[in-house]
């Protein structure tokens, strides 16, 4: 089953030990050894932000976003959506099905935004006691 395999196994590439002493580099190397079914929103945010194995990480992220549009890592609510939205257009042109799924997420975000905007207008009319 694919979810039990790591990015290293799926890509067939072993990056070896990190050659640069930074948290980002060390964590990227470590996450490539984790079975993809165990990757969290934070793990995916980091990997996608570094454009690592997008053909495996983005489908997982889009699935998470379909379940929770504000799925987040450790930065802020919705950080996973922001990093996915920042992926270059070329990736989406090569993956139209994923693009269509992300467009559906975008539509849901816009609906939530409109609903909240209307609710906040009503809230703004109230006076504080």
Protein backbone atom coordinates (compact mmCIF):
# COMPACT_ATOMS: atom_id res chain seq x y z
CA UNK A 1 0.00 0.00 0.00
CA UNK A 2 1.33 3.43 -0.98
CA UNK A 3 0.56 5.10 2.39
CA UNK A 4 3.07 2.80 4.10
CA UNK A 5 5.91 3.90 1.83
CA UNK A 6 8.18 6.87 2.34
CA UNK A 7 8.97 9.54 -0.23
CA UNK A 8 12.44 8.00 -0.50
CA UNK A 9 10.89 4.66 -1.42
CA UNK A 10 8.36 6.17 -3.81
CA UNK A 11 10.86 8.45 -5.56
CA UNK A 12 13.60 5.85 -5.48
CA UNK A 13 16.04 8.51 -4.26
CA UNK A 14 18.08 8.40 -1.06
CA UNK A 15 19.33 11.88 -0.24
CA UNK A 16 21.75 10.57 2.35
CA UNK A 17 22.63 12.65 5.38
CA UNK A 18 21.96 16.39 5.37
CA UNK A 19 24.99 18.37 4.25
CA UNK A 20 23.80 21.68 5.67
CA UNK A 21 23.17 22.29 9.37
CA UNK A 22 19.73 23.88 9.42
CA UNK A 23 16.44 22.78 10.91
CA UNK A 24 14.72 23.00 7.52
CA UNK A 25 17.28 20.82 5.76
CA UNK A 26 17.42 18.26 8.56
CA UNK A 27 13.63 18.08 8.80
CA UNK A 28 13.22 17.74 5.03
CA UNK A 29 15.64 14.80 5.03
CA UNK A 30 13.91 13.21 8.01
CA UNK A 31 10.43 13.57 6.52
CA UNK A 32 11.49 11.82 3.32
CA UNK A 33 11.93 8.67 5.43
CA UNK A 34 8.45 8.84 7.06
CA UNK A 35 5.63 6.76 5.53
CA UNK A 36 3.46 9.25 3.63
CA UNK A 37 0.35 8.05 5.43
CA UNK A 38 1.87 9.42 8.64
CA UNK A 39 2.67 12.90 7.33
CA UNK A 40 0.85 15.68 9.18
CA UNK A 41 -0.40 19.02 7.88
CA UNK A 42 2.78 20.59 9.29
CA UNK A 43 4.96 18.01 7.54
CA UNK A 44 3.17 18.61 4.24
CA UNK A 45 3.38 22.39 4.68
CA UNK A 46 7.13 22.13 5.07
CA UNK A 47 7.67 19.65 2.21
CA UNK A 48 5.40 21.49 -0.24
CA UNK A 49 6.95 24.82 0.72
CA UNK A 50 10.28 23.36 -0.37
CA UNK A 51 8.72 21.80 -3.53
CA UNK A 52 9.69 18.30 -2.37
CA UNK A 53 7.99 15.37 -4.10
CA UNK A 54 4.95 17.45 -5.06
CA UNK A 55 3.42 14.58 -7.07
CA UNK A 56 3.02 12.72 -3.74
CA UNK A 57 2.67 15.51 -1.19
CA UNK A 58 0.12 17.71 -2.95
CA UNK A 59 -2.56 15.01 -3.32
CA UNK A 60 -2.28 14.35 0.42
CA UNK A 61 -2.53 18.05 1.18
CA UNK A 62 -5.55 18.53 -1.09
CA UNK A 63 -7.26 15.58 0.62
CA UNK A 64 -6.63 17.22 4.00
CA UNK A 65 -7.98 20.53 2.71
CA UNK A 66 -11.11 18.84 1.39
CA UNK A 67 -11.73 17.63 4.95
CA UNK A 68 -10.74 20.91 6.64
CA UNK A 69 -10.15 24.04 4.54
CA UNK A 70 -8.21 25.61 7.42
CA UNK A 71 -5.98 22.59 8.05
CA UNK A 72 -2.84 23.99 9.52
CA UNK A 73 0.67 23.25 10.51
CA UNK A 74 2.48 25.23 13.17
CA UNK A 75 2.49 28.67 11.56
CA UNK A 76 -1.16 29.81 11.43
CA UNK A 77 -4.63 28.52 10.64
CA UNK A 78 -4.86 27.87 6.92
CA UNK A 79 -1.09 27.74 6.33
CA UNK A 80 -1.42 24.48 4.41
CA UNK A 81 -3.86 26.07 1.96
CA UNK A 82 -1.55 29.05 1.53
CA UNK A 83 1.46 26.90 0.67
CA UNK A 84 -0.58 24.77 -1.74
CA UNK A 85 -2.01 27.89 -3.41
CA UNK A 86 1.55 29.18 -3.94
CA UNK A 87 2.60 26.20 -6.09
CA UNK A 88 3.60 27.25 -9.58
CA UNK A 89 1.03 27.07 -12.38
CA UNK A 90 3.06 24.48 -14.29
CA UNK A 91 2.32 21.87 -11.64
CA UNK A 92 -1.42 22.50 -11.89
CA UNK A 93 -1.38 22.35 -15.69
CA UNK A 94 0.24 18.91 -15.45
CA UNK A 95 -2.29 17.80 -12.80
CA UNK A 96 -5.73 19.05 -13.90
CA UNK A 97 -7.65 16.67 -11.62
CA UNK A 98 -5.82 18.00 -8.57
CA UNK A 99 -6.34 21.53 -9.84
CA UNK A 100 -10.09 20.92 -10.11
CA UNK A 101 -10.18 19.55 -6.57
CA UNK A 102 -8.33 22.63 -5.31
CA UNK A 103 -10.77 24.89 -7.16
CA UNK A 104 -13.58 23.18 -5.21
CA UNK A 105 -11.71 23.96 -1.98
CA UNK A 106 -11.37 27.58 -3.15
CA UNK A 107 -15.12 27.79 -3.76
CA UNK A 108 -15.76 26.49 -0.23
CA UNK A 109 -13.34 29.06 1.20
CA UNK A 110 -15.14 31.85 -0.66
CA UNK A 111 -18.52 30.67 0.67
CA UNK A 112 -17.20 30.58 4.23
CA UNK A 113 -15.65 34.03 3.77
CA UNK A 114 -18.96 35.46 2.55
CA UNK A 115 -20.91 33.88 5.42
CA UNK A 116 -18.43 35.15 8.01
CA UNK A 117 -18.31 38.60 6.45
CA UNK A 118 -22.09 38.93 6.76
CA UNK A 119 -22.03 37.66 10.33
CA UNK A 120 -19.28 40.11 11.28
CA UNK A 121 -21.28 43.02 9.83
CA UNK A 122 -24.13 42.12 12.17
CA UNK A 123 -21.73 41.78 15.06
CA UNK A 124 -20.31 45.24 14.31
CA UNK A 125 -23.76 46.80 14.84
CA UNK A 126 -23.87 45.70 18.47
CA UNK A 127 -22.74 47.98 21.21
CA UNK A 128 -20.54 46.66 23.95
CA UNK A 129 -22.00 46.85 27.43
